[in-house]
PDB file of all heavy atoms in Angstrom:
ATOM      1  N   ARG A   1       9.164 -15.699  14.161  1.00  0.00           N
ATOM      2  CA  ARG A   1       8.991 -16.694  13.099  1.00  0.00           C
ATOM      3  C   ARG A   1       9.698 -16.240  11.825  1.00  0.00           C
ATOM      4  O   ARG A   1       9.632 -15.068  11.446  1.00  0.00           O
ATOM      5  CB  ARG A   1       7.509 -16.913  12.808  1.00  0.00           C
ATOM      6  CG  ARG A   1       6.751 -17.649  13.885  1.00  0.00           C
ATOM      7  CD  ARG A   1       5.281 -17.762  13.501  1.00  0.00           C
ATOM      8  NE  ARG A   1       5.096 -18.577  12.320  1.00  0.00           N
ATOM      9  CZ  ARG A   1       4.545 -19.788  12.324  1.00  0.00           C
ATOM     10  NH1 ARG A   1       4.129 -20.323  13.470  1.00  0.00           N
ATOM     11  NH2 ARG A   1       4.388 -20.470  11.205  1.00  0.00           N
ATOM     12  N   GLU A   2      10.343 -17.169  11.142  1.00  0.00           N
ATOM     13  CA  GLU A   2      11.063 -16.819   9.928  1.00  0.00           C
ATOM     14  C   GLU A   2      10.147 -16.717   8.720  1.00  0.00           C
ATOM     15  O   GLU A   2      10.532 -16.136   7.692  1.00  0.00           O
ATOM     16  CB  GLU A   2      12.158 -17.853   9.664  1.00  0.00           C
ATOM     17  CG  GLU A   2      13.265 -17.859  10.731  1.00  0.00           C
ATOM     18  CD  GLU A   2      14.382 -18.825  10.403  1.00  0.00           C
ATOM     19  OE1 GLU A   2      14.265 -19.540   9.374  1.00  0.00           O
ATOM     20  OE2 GLU A   2      15.368 -18.856  11.168  1.00  0.00           O
ATOM     21  N   ASP A   3       8.935 -17.281   8.819  1.00  0.00           N
ATOM     22  CA  ASP A   3       8.032 -17.250   7.669  1.00  0.00           C
ATOM     23  C   ASP A   3       7.130 -16.022   7.650  1.00  0.00           C
ATOM     24  O   ASP A   3       6.338 -15.831   6.728  1.00  0.00           O
ATOM     25  CB  ASP A   3       7.177 -18.514   7.614  1.00  0.00           C
ATOM     26  CG  ASP A   3       6.334 -18.722   8.870  1.00  0.00           C
ATOM     27  OD1 ASP A   3       6.326 -17.833   9.742  1.00  0.00           O
ATOM     28  OD2 ASP A   3       5.689 -19.788   8.978  1.00  0.00           O
ATOM     29  N   GLY A   4       7.229 -15.150   8.677  1.00  0.00           N
ATOM     30  CA  GLY A   4       6.440 -13.927   8.693  1.00  0.00           C
ATOM     31  C   GLY A   4       4.967 -14.135   8.972  1.00  0.00           C
ATOM     32  O   GLY A   4       4.159 -13.227   8.774  1.00  0.00           O
ATOM     33  N   ARG A   5       4.589 -15.320   9.490  1.00  0.00           N
ATOM     34  CA  ARG A   5       3.189 -15.604   9.778  1.00  0.00           C
ATOM     35  C   ARG A   5       2.885 -15.360  11.256  1.00  0.00           C
ATOM     36  O   ARG A   5       3.773 -15.239  12.072  1.00  0.00           O
ATOM     37  CB  ARG A   5       2.858 -17.057   9.399  1.00  0.00           C
ATOM     38  CG  ARG A   5       2.919 -17.300   7.884  1.00  0.00           C
ATOM     39  CD  ARG A   5       3.065 -18.772   7.540  1.00  0.00           C
ATOM     40  NE  ARG A   5       1.948 -19.563   8.033  1.00  0.00           N
ATOM     41  CZ  ARG A   5       0.787 -19.741   7.391  1.00  0.00           C
ATOM     42  NH1 ARG A   5       0.588 -19.129   6.222  1.00  0.00           N
ATOM     43  NH2 ARG A   5      -0.162 -20.503   7.888  1.00  0.00           N
ATOM     44  N   TYR A   6       1.613 -15.284  11.576  1.00  0.00           N
ATOM     45  CA  TYR A   6       1.131 -15.066  12.946  1.00  0.00           C
ATOM     46  C   TYR A   6       1.662 -13.762  13.551  1.00  0.00           C
ATOM     47  O   TYR A   6       1.969 -13.683  14.732  1.00  0.00           O
ATOM     48  CB  TYR A   6       1.451 -16.283  13.822  1.00  0.00           C
ATOM     49  CG  TYR A   6       0.586 -17.467  13.486  1.00  0.00           C
ATOM     50  CD1 TYR A   6       0.985 -18.380  12.512  1.00  0.00           C
ATOM     51  CD2 TYR A   6      -0.642 -17.666  14.116  1.00  0.00           C
ATOM     52  CE1 TYR A   6       0.175 -19.462  12.168  1.00  0.00           C
ATOM     53  CE2 TYR A   6      -1.451 -18.744  13.784  1.00  0.00           C
ATOM     54  CZ  TYR A   6      -1.042 -19.633  12.810  1.00  0.00           C
ATOM     55  OH  TYR A   6      -1.853 -20.705  12.477  1.00  0.00           O
ATOM     56  N   CYS A   7       1.775 -12.778  12.707  1.00  0.00           N
ATOM     57  CA  CYS A   7       2.070 -11.414  13.149  1.00  0.00           C
ATOM     58  C   CYS A   7       1.717 -10.494  11.993  1.00  0.00           C
ATOM     59  O   CYS A   7       1.526 -10.947  10.853  1.00  0.00           O
ATOM     60  CB  CYS A   7       3.546 -11.249  13.537  1.00  0.00           C
ATOM     61  SG  CYS A   7       4.699 -11.450  12.156  1.00  0.00           S
ATOM     62  N   TRP A   8       1.585  -9.205  12.295  1.00  0.00           N
ATOM     63  CA  TRP A   8       1.449  -8.243  11.207  1.00  0.00           C
ATOM     64  C   TRP A   8       2.813  -8.068  10.537  1.00  0.00           C
ATOM     65  O   TRP A   8       3.841  -7.915  11.213  1.00  0.00           O
ATOM     66  CB  TRP A   8       0.976  -6.892  11.732  1.00  0.00           C
ATOM     67  CG  TRP A   8      -0.463  -6.849  12.145  1.00  0.00           C
ATOM     68  CD1 TRP A   8      -0.960  -6.719  13.397  1.00  0.00           C
ATOM     69  CD2 TRP A   8      -1.595  -6.906  11.277  1.00  0.00           C
ATOM     70  NE1 TRP A   8      -2.330  -6.699  13.385  1.00  0.00           N
ATOM     71  CE2 TRP A   8      -2.746  -6.813  12.095  1.00  0.00           C
ATOM     72  CE3 TRP A   8      -1.761  -7.030   9.892  1.00  0.00           C
ATOM     73  CZ2 TRP A   8      -4.047  -6.840  11.572  1.00  0.00           C
ATOM     74  CZ3 TRP A   8      -3.051  -7.045   9.374  1.00  0.00           C
ATOM     75  CH2 TRP A   8      -4.167  -6.948  10.214  1.00  0.00           C
ATOM     76  N   ARG A   9       2.807  -8.074   9.220  1.00  0.00           N
ATOM     77  CA  ARG A   9       4.058  -7.936   8.463  1.00  0.00           C
ATOM     78  C   ARG A   9       3.813  -7.071   7.237  1.00  0.00           C
ATOM     79  O   ARG A   9       2.837  -7.261   6.514  1.00  0.00           O
ATOM     80  CB  ARG A   9       4.581  -9.296   8.020  1.00  0.00           C
ATOM     81  CG  ARG A   9       5.851  -9.236   7.161  1.00  0.00           C
ATOM     82  CD  ARG A   9       6.426 -10.620   6.915  1.00  0.00           C
ATOM     83  NE  ARG A   9       7.545 -10.569   5.993  1.00  0.00           N
ATOM     84  CZ  ARG A   9       7.464 -10.804   4.678  1.00  0.00           C
ATOM     85  NH1 ARG A   9       6.295 -11.115   4.151  1.00  0.00           N
ATOM     86  NH2 ARG A   9       8.526 -10.722   3.906  1.00  0.00           N
ATOM     87  N   VAL A  10       4.706  -6.098   7.022  1.00  0.00           N
ATOM     88  CA  VAL A  10       4.637  -5.280   5.809  1.00  0.00           C
ATOM     89  C   VAL A  10       5.228  -6.095   4.668  1.00  0.00           C
ATOM     90  O   VAL A  10       6.439  -6.322   4.611  1.00  0.00           O
ATOM     91  CB  VAL A  10       5.397  -3.950   5.982  1.00  0.00           C
ATOM     92  CG1 VAL A  10       5.295  -3.124   4.701  1.00  0.00           C
ATOM     93  CG2 VAL A  10       4.861  -3.165   7.169  1.00  0.00           C
ATOM     94  N   GLU A  11       4.365  -6.546   3.765  1.00  0.00           N
ATOM     95  CA  GLU A  11       4.821  -7.424   2.688  1.00  0.00           C
ATOM     96  C   GLU A  11       5.281  -6.659   1.445  1.00  0.00           C
ATOM     97  O   GLU A  11       6.152  -7.131   0.705  1.00  0.00           O
ATOM     98  CB  GLU A  11       3.704  -8.387   2.302  1.00  0.00           C
ATOM     99  CG  GLU A  11       3.354  -9.374   3.413  1.00  0.00           C
ATOM    100  CD  GLU A  11       2.394 -10.435   2.966  1.00  0.00           C
ATOM    101  OE1 GLU A  11       1.596 -10.194   2.018  1.00  0.00           O
ATOM    102  OE2 GLU A  11       2.414 -11.532   3.553  1.00  0.00           O
ATOM    103  N   LYS A  12       4.675  -5.491   1.210  1.00  0.00           N
ATOM    104  CA  LYS A  12       5.040  -4.723   0.015  1.00  0.00           C
ATOM    105  C   LYS A  12       4.990  -3.227   0.307  1.00  0.00           C
ATOM    106  O   LYS A  12       4.238  -2.772   1.158  1.00  0.00           O
ATOM    107  CB  LYS A  12       4.075  -5.036  -1.147  1.00  0.00           C
ATOM    108  CG  LYS A  12       4.196  -6.415  -1.726  1.00  0.00           C
ATOM    109  CD  LYS A  12       3.381  -6.551  -3.017  1.00  0.00           C
ATOM    110  CE  LYS A  12       1.903  -6.386  -2.783  1.00  0.00           C
ATOM    111  NZ  LYS A  12       1.103  -6.609  -4.014  1.00  0.00           N
ATOM    112  N   GLU A  13       5.807  -2.497  -0.411  1.00  0.00           N
ATOM    113  CA  GLU A  13       5.765  -1.038  -0.412  1.00  0.00           C
ATOM    114  C   GLU A  13       5.847  -0.582  -1.858  1.00  0.00           C
ATOM    115  O   GLU A  13       6.766  -0.981  -2.583  1.00  0.00           O
ATOM    116  CB  GLU A  13       6.929  -0.451   0.389  1.00  0.00           C
ATOM    117  CG  GLU A  13       6.995   1.061   0.362  1.00  0.00           C
ATOM    118  CD  GLU A  13       8.205   1.616   1.092  1.00  0.00           C
ATOM    119  OE1 GLU A  13       8.848   0.862   1.839  1.00  0.00           O
ATOM    120  OE2 GLU A  13       8.512   2.812   0.905  1.00  0.00           O
ATOM    121  N   GLN A  14       4.861   0.203  -2.292  1.00  0.00           N
ATOM    122  CA  GLN A  14       4.858   0.610  -3.686  1.00  0.00           C
ATOM    123  C   GLN A  14       4.182   1.971  -3.839  1.00  0.00           C
ATOM    124  O   GLN A  14       3.452   2.425  -2.952  1.00  0.00           O
ATOM    125  CB  GLN A  14       4.131  -0.421  -4.550  1.00  0.00           C
ATOM    126  CG  GLN A  14       2.705  -0.685  -4.118  1.00  0.00           C
ATOM    127  CD  GLN A  14       2.080  -1.861  -4.836  1.00  0.00           C
ATOM    128  OE1 GLN A  14       2.492  -2.209  -5.943  1.00  0.00           O
ATOM    129  NE2 GLN A  14       1.092  -2.478  -4.242  1.00  0.00           N
ATOM    130  N   THR A  15       4.448   2.609  -4.950  1.00  0.00           N
ATOM    131  CA  THR A  15       3.776   3.854  -5.286  1.00  0.00           C
ATOM    132  C   THR A  15       2.600   3.545  -6.192  1.00  0.00           C
ATOM    133  O   THR A  15       2.737   2.792  -7.164  1.00  0.00           O
ATOM    134  CB  THR A  15       4.734   4.830  -5.987  1.00  0.00           C
ATOM    135  OG1 THR A  15       5.826   5.119  -5.109  1.00  0.00           O
ATOM    136  CG2 THR A  15       4.030   6.132  -6.341  1.00  0.00           C
ATOM    137  N   ALA A  16       1.440   4.094  -5.844  1.00  0.00           N
ATOM    138  CA  ALA A  16       0.224   3.804  -6.613  1.00  0.00           C
ATOM    139  C   ALA A  16      -0.399   5.093  -7.102  1.00  0.00           C
ATOM    140  O   ALA A  16      -0.253   6.155  -6.494  1.00  0.00           O
ATOM    141  CB  ALA A  16      -0.767   3.042  -5.738  1.00  0.00           C
ATOM    142  N   LYS A  17      -1.100   4.991  -8.220  1.00  0.00           N
ATOM    143  CA  LYS A  17      -1.919   6.077  -8.741  1.00  0.00           C
ATOM    144  C   LYS A  17      -3.313   5.507  -8.964  1.00  0.00           C
ATOM    145  O   LYS A  17      -3.494   4.613  -9.794  1.00  0.00           O
ATOM    146  CB  LYS A  17      -1.353   6.636 -10.045  1.00  0.00           C
ATOM    147  CG  LYS A  17      -0.070   7.424  -9.883  1.00  0.00           C
ATOM    148  CD  LYS A  17       0.356   8.039 -11.205  1.00  0.00           C
ATOM    149  CE  LYS A  17       1.623   8.883 -11.048  1.00  0.00           C
ATOM    150  NZ  LYS A  17       2.028   9.501 -12.333  1.00  0.00           N
ATOM    151  N   ARG A  18      -4.271   5.983  -8.205  1.00  0.00           N
ATOM    152  CA  ARG A  18      -5.625   5.452  -8.306  1.00  0.00           C
ATOM    153  C   ARG A  18      -6.625   6.593  -8.373  1.00  0.00           C
ATOM    154  O   ARG A  18      -6.416   7.645  -7.781  1.00  0.00           O
ATOM    155  CB  ARG A  18      -5.931   4.549  -7.104  1.00  0.00           C
ATOM    156  CG  ARG A  18      -5.016   3.333  -7.041  1.00  0.00           C
ATOM    157  CD  ARG A  18      -5.264   2.493  -5.818  1.00  0.00           C
ATOM    158  NE  ARG A  18      -4.271   1.443  -5.703  1.00  0.00           N
ATOM    159  CZ  ARG A  18      -4.115   0.671  -4.638  1.00  0.00           C
ATOM    160  NH1 ARG A  18      -4.915   0.842  -3.599  1.00  0.00           N
ATOM    161  NH2 ARG A  18      -3.196  -0.255  -4.604  1.00  0.00           N
ATOM    162  N   ARG A  19      -7.700   6.345  -9.064  1.00  0.00           N
ATOM    163  CA  ARG A  19      -8.763   7.345  -9.165  1.00  0.00           C
ATOM    164  C   ARG A  19      -9.691   7.185  -7.967  1.00  0.00           C
ATOM    165  O   ARG A  19     -10.447   6.206  -7.870  1.00  0.00           O
ATOM    166  CB  ARG A  19      -9.529   7.175 -10.475  1.00  0.00           C
ATOM    167  CG  ARG A  19     -10.628   8.209 -10.663  1.00  0.00           C
ATOM    168  CD  ARG A  19     -11.211   8.156 -12.047  1.00  0.00           C
ATOM    169  NE  ARG A  19     -10.220   8.540 -13.058  1.00  0.00           N
ATOM    170  CZ  ARG A  19     -10.470   8.527 -14.371  1.00  0.00           C
ATOM    171  NH1 ARG A  19     -11.649   8.161 -14.809  1.00  0.00           N
ATOM    172  NH2 ARG A  19      -9.522   8.892 -15.211  1.00  0.00           N
ATOM    173  N   ILE A  20      -9.610   8.122  -7.056  1.00  0.00           N
ATOM    174  CA  ILE A  20     -10.424   8.114  -5.836  1.00  0.00           C
ATOM    175  C   ILE A  20     -11.152   9.450  -5.758  1.00  0.00           C
ATOM    176  O   ILE A  20     -10.523  10.508  -5.766  1.00  0.00           O
ATOM    177  CB  ILE A  20      -9.558   7.892  -4.586  1.00  0.00           C
ATOM    178  CG1 ILE A  20      -8.886   6.512  -4.648  1.00  0.00           C
ATOM    179  CG2 ILE A  20     -10.381   8.031  -3.307  1.00  0.00           C
ATOM    180  CD1 ILE A  20      -7.856   6.274  -3.576  1.00  0.00           C
ATOM    181  N   LYS A  21     -12.464   9.386  -5.698  1.00  0.00           N
ATOM    182  CA  LYS A  21     -13.244  10.608  -5.641  1.00  0.00           C
ATOM    183  C   LYS A  21     -12.877  11.400  -4.392  1.00  0.00           C
ATOM    184  O   LYS A  21     -12.761  10.858  -3.304  1.00  0.00           O
ATOM    185  CB  LYS A  21     -14.734  10.271  -5.618  1.00  0.00           C
ATOM    186  CG  LYS A  21     -15.635  11.490  -5.792  1.00  0.00           C
ATOM    187  CD  LYS A  21     -17.091  11.081  -5.908  1.00  0.00           C
ATOM    188  CE  LYS A  21     -17.973  12.311  -6.112  1.00  0.00           C
ATOM    189  NZ  LYS A  21     -19.411  11.933  -6.254  1.00  0.00           N
ATOM    190  N   GLY A  22     -12.666  12.701  -4.555  1.00  0.00           N
ATOM    191  CA  GLY A  22     -12.253  13.551  -3.447  1.00  0.00           C
ATOM    192  C   GLY A  22     -10.776  13.864  -3.468  1.00  0.00           C
ATOM    193  O   GLY A  22     -10.308  14.748  -2.744  1.00  0.00           O
ATOM    194  N   LEU A  23     -10.018  13.133  -4.295  1.00  0.00           N
ATOM    195  CA  LEU A  23      -8.592  13.397  -4.457  1.00  0.00           C
ATOM    196  C   LEU A  23      -8.322  13.843  -5.884  1.00  0.00           C
ATOM    197  O   LEU A  23      -9.128  13.601  -6.786  1.00  0.00           O
ATOM    198  CB  LEU A  23      -7.771  12.141  -4.151  1.00  0.00           C
ATOM    199  CG  LEU A  23      -7.891  11.535  -2.753  1.00  0.00           C
ATOM    200  CD1 LEU A  23      -7.000  10.315  -2.649  1.00  0.00           C
ATOM    201  CD2 LEU A  23      -7.524  12.553  -1.688  1.00  0.00           C
ATOM    202  N   ALA A  24      -7.163  14.467  -6.085  1.00  0.00           N
ATOM    203  CA  ALA A  24      -6.779  14.840  -7.435  1.00  0.00           C
ATOM    204  C   ALA A  24      -6.723  13.592  -8.306  1.00  0.00           C
ATOM    205  O   ALA A  24      -6.363  12.502  -7.846  1.00  0.00           O
ATOM    206  CB  ALA A  24      -5.417  15.543  -7.424  1.00  0.00           C
ATOM    207  N   GLU A  25      -7.102  13.742  -9.584  1.00  0.00           N
ATOM    208  CA  GLU A  25      -7.138  12.586 -10.472  1.00  0.00           C
ATOM    209  C   GLU A  25      -5.776  11.895 -10.528  1.00  0.00           C
ATOM    210  O   GLU A  25      -4.741  12.531 -10.698  1.00  0.00           O
ATOM    211  CB  GLU A  25      -7.554  13.023 -11.875  1.00  0.00           C
ATOM    212  CG  GLU A  25      -7.763  11.848 -12.812  1.00  0.00           C
ATOM    213  CD  GLU A  25      -8.352  12.288 -14.152  1.00  0.00           C
ATOM    214  OE1 GLU A  25      -8.635  13.484 -14.295  1.00  0.00           O
ATOM    215  OE2 GLU A  25      -8.505  11.427 -15.019  1.00  0.00           O
ATOM    216  N   HIS A  26      -5.822  10.575 -10.367  1.00  0.00           N
ATOM    217  CA  HIS A  26      -4.608   9.750 -10.372  1.00  0.00           C
ATOM    218  C   HIS A  26      -3.592  10.251  -9.337  1.00  0.00           C
ATOM    219  O   HIS A  26      -2.387  10.303  -9.579  1.00  0.00           O
ATOM    220  CB  HIS A  26      -3.971   9.702 -11.763  1.00  0.00           C
ATOM    221  CG  HIS A  26      -4.882   9.154 -12.815  1.00  0.00           C
ATOM    222  ND1 HIS A  26      -5.432   7.903 -12.728  1.00  0.00           N
ATOM    223  CD2 HIS A  26      -5.359   9.695 -13.957  1.00  0.00           C
ATOM    224  CE1 HIS A  26      -6.195   7.685 -13.796  1.00  0.00           C
ATOM    225  NE2 HIS A  26      -6.166   8.762 -14.542  1.00  0.00           N
ATOM    226  N   HIS A  27      -4.112  10.616  -8.203  1.00  0.00           N
ATOM    227  CA  HIS A  27      -3.259  11.115  -7.121  1.00  0.00           C
ATOM    228  C   HIS A  27      -2.245  10.043  -6.712  1.00  0.00           C
ATOM    229  O   HIS A  27      -2.623   8.934  -6.337  1.00  0.00           O
ATOM    230  CB  HIS A  27      -4.138  11.487  -5.930  1.00  0.00           C
ATOM    231  CG  HIS A  27      -3.374  11.969  -4.737  1.00  0.00           C
ATOM    232  ND1 HIS A  27      -2.815  13.226  -4.687  1.00  0.00           N
ATOM    233  CD2 HIS A  27      -3.070  11.378  -3.560  1.00  0.00           C
ATOM    234  CE1 HIS A  27      -2.206  13.386  -3.527  1.00  0.00           C
ATOM    235  NE2 HIS A  27      -2.355  12.282  -2.824  1.00  0.00           N
ATOM    236  N   PRO A  28      -0.934  10.320  -6.800  1.00  0.00           N
ATOM    237  CA  PRO A  28       0.055   9.304  -6.426  1.00  0.00           C
ATOM    238  C   PRO A  28       0.268   9.254  -4.918  1.00  0.00           C
ATOM    239  O   PRO A  28       0.284  10.282  -4.241  1.00  0.00           O
ATOM    240  CB  PRO A  28       1.322   9.779  -7.136  1.00  0.00           C
ATOM    241  CG  PRO A  28       1.160  11.265  -7.183  1.00  0.00           C
ATOM    242  CD  PRO A  28      -0.320  11.543  -7.299  1.00  0.00           C
ATOM    243  N   PHE A  29       0.415   8.057  -4.359  1.00  0.00           N
ATOM    244  CA  PHE A  29       0.694   7.920  -2.946  1.00  0.00           C
ATOM    245  C   PHE A  29       1.418   6.596  -2.700  1.00  0.00           C
ATOM    246  O   PHE A  29       1.364   5.676  -3.512  1.00  0.00           O
ATOM    247  CB  PHE A  29      -0.586   8.000  -2.110  1.00  0.00           C
ATOM    248  CG  PHE A  29      -1.757   7.245  -2.685  1.00  0.00           C
ATOM    249  CD1 PHE A  29      -1.878   5.865  -2.533  1.00  0.00           C
ATOM    250  CD2 PHE A  29      -2.740   7.925  -3.383  1.00  0.00           C
ATOM    251  CE1 PHE A  29      -2.961   5.188  -3.058  1.00  0.00           C
ATOM    252  CE2 PHE A  29      -3.832   7.247  -3.915  1.00  0.00           C
ATOM    253  CZ  PHE A  29      -3.945   5.871  -3.752  1.00  0.00           C
ATOM    254  N   THR A  30       2.121   6.546  -1.579  1.00  0.00           N
ATOM    255  CA  THR A  30       2.812   5.322  -1.180  1.00  0.00           C
ATOM    256  C   THR A  30       1.837   4.399  -0.468  1.00  0.00           C
ATOM    257  O   THR A  30       1.094   4.828   0.410  1.00  0.00           O
ATOM    258  CB  THR A  30       3.997   5.642  -0.253  1.00  0.00           C
ATOM    259  OG1 THR A  30       4.905   6.503  -0.943  1.00  0.00           O
ATOM    260  CG2 THR A  30       4.722   4.366   0.162  1.00  0.00           C
ATOM    261  N   VAL A  31       1.849   3.124  -0.858  1.00  0.00           N
ATOM    262  CA  VAL A  31       0.949   2.135  -0.271  1.00  0.00           C
ATOM    263  C   VAL A  31       1.776   1.014   0.346  1.00  0.00           C
ATOM    264  O   VAL A  31       2.684   0.461  -0.297  1.00  0.00           O
ATOM    265  CB  VAL A  31      -0.009   1.552  -1.331  1.00  0.00           C
ATOM    266  CG1 VAL A  31      -0.879   0.454  -0.717  1.00  0.00           C
ATOM    267  CG2 VAL A  31      -0.878   2.642  -1.917  1.00  0.00           C
ATOM    268  N   TYR A  32       1.458   0.687   1.597  1.00  0.00           N
ATOM    269  CA  TYR A  32       2.065  -0.455   2.283  1.00  0.00           C
ATOM    270  C   TYR A  32       1.015  -1.554   2.396  1.00  0.00           C
ATOM    271  O   TYR A  32      -0.096  -1.315   2.880  1.00  0.00           O
ATOM    272  CB  TYR A  32       2.535  -0.063   3.677  1.00  0.00           C
ATOM    273  CG  TYR A  32       3.611   0.999   3.692  1.00  0.00           C
ATOM    274  CD1 TYR A  32       3.276   2.350   3.709  1.00  0.00           C
ATOM    275  CD2 TYR A  32       4.960   0.654   3.678  1.00  0.00           C
ATOM    276  CE1 TYR A  32       4.252   3.332   3.719  1.00  0.00           C
ATOM    277  CE2 TYR A  32       5.945   1.629   3.686  1.00  0.00           C
ATOM    278  CZ  TYR A  32       5.578   2.961   3.703  1.00  0.00           C
ATOM    279  OH  TYR A  32       6.559   3.932   3.711  1.00  0.00           O
ATOM    280  N   SER A  33       1.365  -2.756   1.930  1.00  0.00           N
ATOM    281  CA  SER A  33       0.485  -3.911   2.086  1.00  0.00           C
ATOM    282  C   SER A  33       0.905  -4.662   3.332  1.00  0.00           C
ATOM    283  O   SER A  33       2.017  -5.204   3.412  1.00  0.00           O
ATOM    284  CB  SER A  33       0.572  -4.833   0.865  1.00  0.00           C
ATOM    285  OG  SER A  33       0.001  -4.214  -0.271  1.00  0.00           O
TER     286      SER A  33
END
């Protein structure tokens, strides 16, 4: 399908910094949506 529907599709790739307990403060990581 050309519209990317009815299947799993990686829509975004970005670097994020989030405060998550158990990780270093503002630990940066790559996130795929």
